[in-house]
């Protein structure tokens, strides 16, 4: 049926976020790719989008509010993914040095300092460990966030 109901669109977004997280966890635990801090931030944005979509499916009301929250989560994820892609495409001599791990930073620094340090990026974030059809994980993640953003925008604007 077209157009799909608001609940169907939110359910689709939930499935996309669950599939994205399943892929990320498979790559971490089966392929043994360790996520960098920017990857973890993208996971947080994806989980936020999934949680918002789940609540929207269960609530069946407030479509525009949930769509706005989804759009904000997707924009945050897109921004982090874009920064990550930018770091990956830097010339080798301009890649920043590797920094401390995220767990250490969270224990030692206040949250605003951790955010600043992570978003600056580090050498581990610039490394491309895995590709799918020539696209790195942050590029695929960014495309997924853009798709979620467009669906959320459509949910906000449709009658």
N, C-alpha and C. Protein backbone atom coordinates (compact mmCIF):
# COMPACT_ATOMS: atom_id res chain seq x y z
N UNK A 1 0.84 -1.19 0.00
CA UNK A 1 0.00 0.00 0.00
C UNK A 1 0.88 1.25 0.00
N UNK A 2 0.51 2.16 -0.83
CA UNK A 2 1.23 3.43 -0.83
C UNK A 2 0.22 4.54 -0.67
N UNK A 3 0.43 5.51 0.11
CA UNK A 3 1.60 5.68 0.96
C UNK A 3 1.50 4.82 2.21
N UNK A 4 2.65 4.41 2.74
CA UNK A 4 2.63 3.62 3.96
C UNK A 4 2.15 4.45 5.15
N UNK A 5 1.61 3.78 6.14
CA UNK A 5 1.16 4.48 7.34
C UNK A 5 2.36 5.03 8.09
N UNK A 6 2.08 5.96 9.00
CA UNK A 6 3.18 6.52 9.80
C UNK A 6 3.84 5.42 10.62
N UNK A 7 3.07 4.49 11.11
CA UNK A 7 3.62 3.40 11.91
C UNK A 7 4.54 2.52 11.06
N UNK A 8 4.17 2.27 9.81
CA UNK A 8 5.00 1.46 8.92
C UNK A 8 6.33 2.14 8.62
N UNK A 9 6.31 3.45 8.43
CA UNK A 9 7.55 4.19 8.15
C UNK A 9 8.47 4.14 9.37
N UNK A 10 7.91 4.37 10.55
CA UNK A 10 8.73 4.30 11.76
C UNK A 10 9.25 2.87 11.99
N UNK A 11 8.44 1.86 11.67
CA UNK A 11 8.88 0.47 11.81
C UNK A 11 10.03 0.19 10.83
N UNK A 12 9.95 0.73 9.63
CA UNK A 12 11.03 0.55 8.66
C UNK A 12 12.32 1.19 9.17
N UNK A 13 12.22 2.39 9.72
CA UNK A 13 13.40 3.06 10.28
C UNK A 13 13.98 2.24 11.43
N UNK A 14 13.12 1.69 12.26
CA UNK A 14 13.57 0.82 13.35
C UNK A 14 14.32 -0.39 12.80
N UNK A 15 13.79 -1.01 11.76
CA UNK A 15 14.46 -2.17 11.16
C UNK A 15 15.81 -1.79 10.55
N UNK A 16 15.87 -0.63 9.91
CA UNK A 16 17.14 -0.16 9.34
C UNK A 16 18.17 0.05 10.44
N UNK A 17 17.76 0.66 11.54
CA UNK A 17 18.71 0.90 12.63
C UNK A 17 19.13 -0.42 13.29
N UNK A 18 18.21 -1.36 13.43
CA UNK A 18 18.57 -2.66 14.00
C UNK A 18 19.52 -3.41 13.08
N UNK A 19 19.27 -3.36 11.78
CA UNK A 19 20.16 -4.03 10.82
C UNK A 19 21.54 -3.38 10.83
N UNK A 20 21.58 -2.07 10.92
CA UNK A 20 22.87 -1.37 10.98
C UNK A 20 23.66 -1.77 12.22
N UNK A 21 22.99 -1.82 13.34
CA UNK A 21 23.67 -2.21 14.57
C UNK A 21 24.08 -3.69 14.53
N UNK A 22 23.25 -4.54 13.94
CA UNK A 22 23.62 -5.96 13.81
C UNK A 22 24.88 -6.10 12.96
N UNK A 23 24.96 -5.34 11.88
CA UNK A 23 26.16 -5.38 11.04
C UNK A 23 27.38 -4.88 11.80
N UNK A 24 27.22 -3.80 12.54
CA UNK A 24 28.34 -3.25 13.31
C UNK A 24 28.83 -4.26 14.35
N UNK A 25 27.90 -4.90 15.03
CA UNK A 25 28.28 -5.87 16.05
C UNK A 25 28.89 -7.12 15.42
N UNK A 26 28.38 -7.53 14.27
CA UNK A 26 28.98 -8.67 13.56
C UNK A 26 30.44 -8.35 13.20
N UNK A 27 30.66 -7.15 12.65
CA UNK A 27 32.02 -6.77 12.27
C UNK A 27 32.93 -6.68 13.49
N UNK A 28 32.39 -6.26 14.62
CA UNK A 28 33.20 -6.16 15.83
C UNK A 28 33.52 -7.54 16.41
N UNK A 29 32.52 -8.39 16.55
CA UNK A 29 32.74 -9.64 17.28
C UNK A 29 33.08 -10.84 16.39
N UNK A 30 32.65 -10.85 15.14
CA UNK A 30 32.97 -11.98 14.27
C UNK A 30 34.20 -11.71 13.40
N UNK A 31 34.30 -10.47 12.91
CA UNK A 31 35.43 -10.11 12.04
C UNK A 31 36.56 -9.49 12.84
N UNK A 32 36.29 -9.13 14.09
CA UNK A 32 37.28 -8.57 15.03
C UNK A 32 37.78 -7.18 14.61
N UNK A 33 36.89 -6.35 14.09
CA UNK A 33 37.22 -4.95 13.83
C UNK A 33 36.82 -4.14 15.06
N UNK A 34 37.77 -3.50 15.68
CA UNK A 34 37.47 -2.71 16.87
C UNK A 34 37.02 -1.30 16.46
N UNK A 35 35.89 -0.83 17.01
CA UNK A 35 35.40 0.49 16.63
C UNK A 35 36.25 1.61 17.23
N UNK A 36 36.48 2.62 16.43
CA UNK A 36 37.17 3.81 16.93
C UNK A 36 36.15 4.69 17.65
N UNK A 37 36.59 5.75 18.34
CA UNK A 37 35.64 6.62 19.05
C UNK A 37 34.56 7.23 18.13
N UNK A 38 34.91 7.61 16.90
CA UNK A 38 33.90 8.16 16.00
C UNK A 38 32.88 7.09 15.60
N UNK A 39 33.34 5.86 15.45
CA UNK A 39 32.42 4.74 15.17
C UNK A 39 31.43 4.57 16.32
N UNK A 40 31.92 4.68 17.53
CA UNK A 40 31.06 4.53 18.71
C UNK A 40 30.03 5.65 18.75
N UNK A 41 30.44 6.86 18.43
CA UNK A 41 29.48 7.97 18.40
C UNK A 41 28.42 7.74 17.34
N UNK A 42 28.81 7.17 16.19
CA UNK A 42 27.83 6.86 15.15
C UNK A 42 26.87 5.77 15.64
N UNK A 43 27.38 4.83 16.40
CA UNK A 43 26.51 3.79 16.96
C UNK A 43 25.51 4.39 17.93
N UNK A 44 25.95 5.34 18.73
CA UNK A 44 25.04 6.00 19.68
C UNK A 44 23.92 6.72 18.91
N UNK A 45 24.28 7.41 17.84
CA UNK A 45 23.27 8.11 17.03
C UNK A 45 22.32 7.10 16.40
N UNK A 46 22.82 5.97 15.93
CA UNK A 46 21.97 4.96 15.31
C UNK A 46 21.04 4.32 16.34
N UNK A 47 21.57 4.05 17.52
CA UNK A 47 20.73 3.49 18.59
C UNK A 47 19.67 4.51 19.02
N UNK A 48 20.03 5.78 19.04
CA UNK A 48 19.06 6.82 19.38
C UNK A 48 17.93 6.86 18.36
N UNK A 49 18.29 6.79 17.08
CA UNK A 49 17.29 6.77 16.02
C UNK A 49 16.38 5.55 16.17
N UNK A 50 16.98 4.40 16.44
CA UNK A 50 16.19 3.18 16.62
C UNK A 50 15.25 3.27 17.81
N UNK A 51 15.73 3.82 18.90
CA UNK A 51 14.89 3.96 20.09
C UNK A 51 13.73 4.91 19.84
N UNK A 52 14.01 6.02 19.19
CA UNK A 52 12.94 6.98 18.86
C UNK A 52 11.92 6.33 17.93
N UNK A 53 12.40 5.58 16.93
CA UNK A 53 11.49 4.90 16.01
C UNK A 53 10.65 3.86 16.75
N UNK A 54 11.26 3.13 17.68
CA UNK A 54 10.52 2.13 18.46
C UNK A 54 9.41 2.80 19.27
N UNK A 55 9.73 3.89 19.94
CA UNK A 55 8.71 4.60 20.73
C UNK A 55 7.61 5.12 19.82
N UNK A 56 7.98 5.62 18.63
CA UNK A 56 6.98 6.12 17.68
C UNK A 56 6.05 5.00 17.21
N UNK A 57 6.61 3.81 16.99
CA UNK A 57 5.79 2.66 16.57
C UNK A 57 4.81 2.28 17.69
N UNK A 58 5.30 2.26 18.90
CA UNK A 58 4.46 1.85 20.03
C UNK A 58 3.43 2.90 20.40
N UNK A 59 3.76 4.16 20.23
CA UNK A 59 2.89 5.24 20.66
C UNK A 59 1.78 5.52 19.66
N UNK A 60 2.07 5.44 18.39
CA UNK A 60 1.10 5.70 17.31
C UNK A 60 0.43 7.06 17.45
N UNK A 61 1.22 8.06 17.68
CA UNK A 61 0.74 9.43 17.75
C UNK A 61 1.95 10.34 17.82
N UNK A 62 1.75 11.62 17.69
CA UNK A 62 2.86 12.56 17.77
C UNK A 62 3.86 12.39 16.64
N UNK A 63 3.35 12.06 15.46
CA UNK A 63 4.21 11.77 14.31
C UNK A 63 5.26 12.84 14.07
N UNK A 64 4.86 14.09 14.09
CA UNK A 64 5.81 15.17 13.77
C UNK A 64 6.89 15.33 14.84
N UNK A 65 6.53 15.13 16.09
CA UNK A 65 7.51 15.24 17.17
C UNK A 65 8.56 14.14 17.05
N UNK A 66 8.08 12.90 16.85
CA UNK A 66 9.02 11.78 16.70
C UNK A 66 9.87 11.94 15.44
N UNK A 67 9.25 12.43 14.38
CA UNK A 67 10.00 12.64 13.13
C UNK A 67 11.07 13.71 13.33
N UNK A 68 10.75 14.77 14.07
CA UNK A 68 11.74 15.80 14.35
C UNK A 68 12.90 15.24 15.18
N UNK A 69 12.59 14.46 16.19
CA UNK A 69 13.64 13.85 17.01
C UNK A 69 14.50 12.90 16.17
N UNK A 70 13.86 12.14 15.29
CA UNK A 70 14.60 11.25 14.40
C UNK A 70 15.50 12.05 13.46
N UNK A 71 14.98 13.14 12.94
CA UNK A 71 15.78 13.98 12.04
C UNK A 71 17.00 14.53 12.77
N UNK A 72 16.83 14.94 14.01
CA UNK A 72 17.96 15.46 14.79
C UNK A 72 19.01 14.37 15.06
N UNK A 73 18.55 13.16 15.40
CA UNK A 73 19.48 12.05 15.63
C UNK A 73 20.22 11.72 14.34
N UNK A 74 19.50 11.72 13.22
CA UNK A 74 20.11 11.41 11.93
C UNK A 74 21.10 12.50 11.52
N UNK A 75 20.78 13.76 11.80
CA UNK A 75 21.72 14.85 11.48
C UNK A 75 22.99 14.73 12.32
N UNK A 76 22.83 14.39 13.59
CA UNK A 76 24.01 14.20 14.44
C UNK A 76 24.87 13.07 13.91
N UNK A 77 24.24 11.96 13.56
CA UNK A 77 24.98 10.84 13.00
C UNK A 77 25.64 11.18 11.68
N UNK A 78 24.94 11.94 10.85
CA UNK A 78 25.51 12.36 9.56
C UNK A 78 26.73 13.24 9.78
N UNK A 79 26.65 14.14 10.74
CA UNK A 79 27.78 15.02 11.04
C UNK A 79 29.00 14.25 11.50
N UNK A 80 28.79 13.27 12.38
CA UNK A 80 29.92 12.46 12.87
C UNK A 80 30.48 11.62 11.72
N UNK A 81 29.60 11.03 10.92
CA UNK A 81 30.06 10.21 9.79
C UNK A 81 30.83 11.07 8.78
N UNK A 82 30.35 12.29 8.53
CA UNK A 82 31.04 13.17 7.59
C UNK A 82 32.44 13.52 8.10
N UNK A 83 32.55 13.80 9.38
CA UNK A 83 33.86 14.08 9.97
C UNK A 83 34.78 12.86 9.83
N UNK A 84 34.23 11.69 10.04
CA UNK A 84 34.99 10.45 9.96
C UNK A 84 35.48 10.22 8.51
N UNK A 85 34.60 10.43 7.56
CA UNK A 85 34.98 10.29 6.14
C UNK A 85 36.07 11.30 5.78
N UNK A 86 35.92 12.50 6.28
CA UNK A 86 36.93 13.54 6.01
C UNK A 86 38.30 13.11 6.54
N UNK A 87 38.32 12.58 7.76
CA UNK A 87 39.59 12.10 8.33
C UNK A 87 40.19 10.97 7.50
N UNK A 88 39.32 10.09 7.00
CA UNK A 88 39.81 8.96 6.22
C UNK A 88 40.40 9.39 4.87
N UNK A 89 40.01 10.53 4.40
CA UNK A 89 40.50 10.99 3.10
C UNK A 89 41.62 12.04 3.21
N UNK A 90 42.12 12.26 4.40
CA UNK A 90 43.26 13.16 4.57
C UNK A 90 44.52 12.51 4.01
N UNK A 91 45.43 13.33 3.48
CA UNK A 91 46.73 12.77 3.10
C UNK A 91 47.43 12.21 4.34
N UNK A 92 48.25 11.19 4.13
CA UNK A 92 48.89 10.48 5.24
C UNK A 92 49.67 11.40 6.18
N UNK A 93 50.30 12.45 5.64
CA UNK A 93 51.09 13.34 6.49
C UNK A 93 50.23 14.29 7.31
N UNK A 94 48.94 14.36 7.05
CA UNK A 94 48.05 15.26 7.80
C UNK A 94 47.15 14.53 8.79
N UNK A 95 47.25 13.22 8.83
CA UNK A 95 46.43 12.45 9.76
C UNK A 95 46.89 12.72 11.19
N UNK A 96 45.95 13.04 12.11
CA UNK A 96 46.36 13.29 13.49
C UNK A 96 46.90 12.02 14.16
N UNK A 97 47.67 12.23 15.21
CA UNK A 97 48.20 11.10 15.97
C UNK A 97 47.06 10.37 16.67
N UNK A 98 47.31 9.11 16.98
CA UNK A 98 46.33 8.34 17.74
C UNK A 98 46.25 8.89 19.16
N UNK A 99 45.05 8.95 19.68
CA UNK A 99 44.85 9.47 21.03
C UNK A 99 44.52 8.36 21.99
N UNK A 100 44.18 8.71 23.22
CA UNK A 100 43.79 7.70 24.20
C UNK A 100 42.45 7.07 23.82
N UNK A 101 42.16 5.93 24.37
CA UNK A 101 40.90 5.24 24.11
C UNK A 101 39.71 5.99 24.70
N UNK A 102 38.54 5.70 24.18
CA UNK A 102 37.32 6.37 24.64
C UNK A 102 37.04 6.07 26.11
N UNK A 103 37.23 4.84 26.54
CA UNK A 103 36.99 4.51 27.96
C UNK A 103 37.86 5.35 28.88
N UNK A 104 39.13 5.50 28.52
CA UNK A 104 40.05 6.31 29.33
C UNK A 104 39.58 7.76 29.36
N UNK A 105 39.23 8.29 28.18
CA UNK A 105 38.79 9.70 28.12
C UNK A 105 37.54 9.93 28.96
N UNK A 106 36.60 8.98 28.93
CA UNK A 106 35.37 9.14 29.71
C UNK A 106 35.64 9.10 31.21
N UNK A 107 36.67 8.37 31.63
CA UNK A 107 37.01 8.30 33.05
C UNK A 107 37.76 9.53 33.53
N UNK A 108 38.55 10.14 32.65
CA UNK A 108 39.46 11.19 33.07
C UNK A 108 38.92 12.60 32.79
N UNK A 109 38.27 12.80 31.66
CA UNK A 109 37.87 14.14 31.24
C UNK A 109 36.37 14.35 31.42
N UNK A 110 35.97 15.63 31.57
CA UNK A 110 34.53 15.92 31.58
C UNK A 110 33.95 15.66 30.18
N UNK A 111 32.65 15.46 30.11
CA UNK A 111 31.99 15.05 28.87
C UNK A 111 32.24 16.02 27.71
N UNK A 112 32.19 17.31 27.97
CA UNK A 112 32.40 18.28 26.88
C UNK A 112 33.81 18.17 26.31
N UNK A 113 34.78 17.86 27.13
CA UNK A 113 36.16 17.67 26.67
C UNK A 113 36.27 16.38 25.85
N UNK A 114 35.59 15.32 26.29
CA UNK A 114 35.58 14.05 25.55
C UNK A 114 34.98 14.27 24.16
N UNK A 115 33.85 14.98 24.10
CA UNK A 115 33.21 15.26 22.80
C UNK A 115 34.17 16.02 21.89
N UNK A 116 34.82 17.01 22.44
CA UNK A 116 35.76 17.80 21.65
C UNK A 116 36.92 16.95 21.13
N UNK A 117 37.49 16.13 21.99
CA UNK A 117 38.62 15.29 21.59
C UNK A 117 38.21 14.27 20.54
N UNK A 118 37.06 13.64 20.73
CA UNK A 118 36.63 12.61 19.78
C UNK A 118 36.31 13.23 18.42
N UNK A 119 35.63 14.37 18.42
CA UNK A 119 35.26 14.98 17.14
C UNK A 119 36.46 15.54 16.39
N UNK A 120 37.54 15.83 17.10
CA UNK A 120 38.76 16.21 16.41
C UNK A 120 39.33 15.03 15.64
N UNK A 121 39.08 13.85 16.15
CA UNK A 121 39.54 12.63 15.49
C UNK A 121 40.94 12.27 15.87
N UNK A 122 41.29 11.05 15.49
CA UNK A 122 42.65 10.57 15.76
C UNK A 122 43.06 9.64 14.64
N UNK A 123 44.30 9.21 14.70
CA UNK A 123 44.84 8.36 13.65
C UNK A 123 44.08 7.06 13.46
N UNK A 124 43.58 6.50 14.56
CA UNK A 124 42.83 5.25 14.43
C UNK A 124 41.52 5.45 13.66
N UNK A 125 40.97 6.65 13.73
CA UNK A 125 39.73 6.95 13.00
C UNK A 125 39.98 7.15 11.50
N UNK A 126 41.21 7.45 11.14
CA UNK A 126 41.53 7.70 9.73
C UNK A 126 41.82 6.42 8.97
N UNK A 127 41.99 5.34 9.69
CA UNK A 127 42.33 4.06 9.05
C UNK A 127 41.08 3.39 8.48
N UNK A 128 41.15 2.91 7.24
CA UNK A 128 40.04 2.19 6.62
C UNK A 128 40.36 0.69 6.73
N UNK A 129 39.60 0.01 7.58
CA UNK A 129 39.84 -1.42 7.83
C UNK A 129 39.00 -2.33 6.95
N UNK A 130 37.85 -1.83 6.48
CA UNK A 130 36.89 -2.70 5.82
C UNK A 130 36.08 -1.87 4.83
N UNK A 131 35.77 -2.43 3.69
CA UNK A 131 34.92 -1.74 2.71
C UNK A 131 33.87 -2.71 2.19
N UNK A 132 32.80 -2.14 1.66
CA UNK A 132 31.73 -2.90 1.02
C UNK A 132 31.43 -2.20 -0.29
N UNK A 133 31.73 -2.88 -1.39
CA UNK A 133 31.61 -2.30 -2.73
C UNK A 133 32.40 -0.99 -2.84
N UNK A 134 33.54 -0.94 -2.17
CA UNK A 134 34.41 0.22 -2.25
C UNK A 134 34.07 1.35 -1.29
N UNK A 135 33.03 1.19 -0.49
CA UNK A 135 32.63 2.23 0.47
C UNK A 135 33.06 1.83 1.88
N UNK A 136 33.66 2.78 2.60
CA UNK A 136 34.07 2.51 3.97
C UNK A 136 32.84 2.52 4.88
N UNK A 137 33.03 2.03 6.10
CA UNK A 137 31.93 2.00 7.06
C UNK A 137 31.34 3.38 7.35
N UNK A 138 32.16 4.43 7.54
CA UNK A 138 31.56 5.75 7.78
C UNK A 138 30.77 6.27 6.57
N UNK A 139 31.21 5.92 5.36
CA UNK A 139 30.45 6.33 4.17
C UNK A 139 29.10 5.62 4.13
N UNK A 140 29.09 4.34 4.43
CA UNK A 140 27.83 3.59 4.48
C UNK A 140 26.93 4.09 5.61
N UNK A 141 27.54 4.37 6.73
CA UNK A 141 26.80 4.89 7.87
C UNK A 141 26.18 6.26 7.54
N UNK A 142 26.97 7.11 6.90
CA UNK A 142 26.47 8.43 6.50
C UNK A 142 25.30 8.32 5.54
N UNK A 143 25.38 7.40 4.59
CA UNK A 143 24.27 7.20 3.64
C UNK A 143 23.01 6.73 4.37
N UNK A 144 23.20 5.85 5.36
CA UNK A 144 22.06 5.37 6.13
C UNK A 144 21.43 6.49 6.94
N UNK A 145 22.26 7.33 7.55
CA UNK A 145 21.72 8.47 8.31
C UNK A 145 20.99 9.45 7.39
N UNK A 146 21.49 9.67 6.20
CA UNK A 146 20.82 10.56 5.26
C UNK A 146 19.46 9.99 4.88
N UNK A 147 19.39 8.67 4.65
CA UNK A 147 18.12 8.04 4.32
C UNK A 147 17.13 8.18 5.48
N UNK A 148 17.60 7.97 6.71
CA UNK A 148 16.73 8.14 7.88
C UNK A 148 16.26 9.58 7.99
N UNK A 149 17.17 10.52 7.75
CA UNK A 149 16.80 11.93 7.80
C UNK A 149 15.71 12.24 6.77
N UNK A 150 15.87 11.74 5.56
CA UNK A 150 14.88 12.02 4.51
C UNK A 150 13.52 11.40 4.84
N UNK A 151 13.53 10.19 5.39
CA UNK A 151 12.27 9.57 5.81
C UNK A 151 11.62 10.36 6.94
N UNK A 152 12.44 10.81 7.88
CA UNK A 152 11.90 11.62 9.00
C UNK A 152 11.33 12.93 8.48
N UNK A 153 12.03 13.56 7.55
CA UNK A 153 11.53 14.80 6.96
C UNK A 153 10.20 14.56 6.25
N UNK A 154 10.11 13.47 5.52
CA UNK A 154 8.87 13.13 4.84
C UNK A 154 7.75 12.93 5.87
N UNK A 155 8.05 12.27 6.97
CA UNK A 155 7.05 12.06 8.02
C UNK A 155 6.58 13.39 8.60
N UNK A 156 7.51 14.34 8.74
CA UNK A 156 7.13 15.65 9.30
C UNK A 156 6.24 16.43 8.35
N UNK A 157 6.50 16.34 7.06
CA UNK A 157 5.84 17.22 6.10
C UNK A 157 4.58 16.64 5.45
N UNK A 158 4.43 15.34 5.49
CA UNK A 158 3.27 14.75 4.82
C UNK A 158 2.01 15.00 5.62
N UNK A 159 0.91 14.96 4.92
CA UNK A 159 -0.38 15.21 5.58
C UNK A 159 -0.95 13.94 6.17
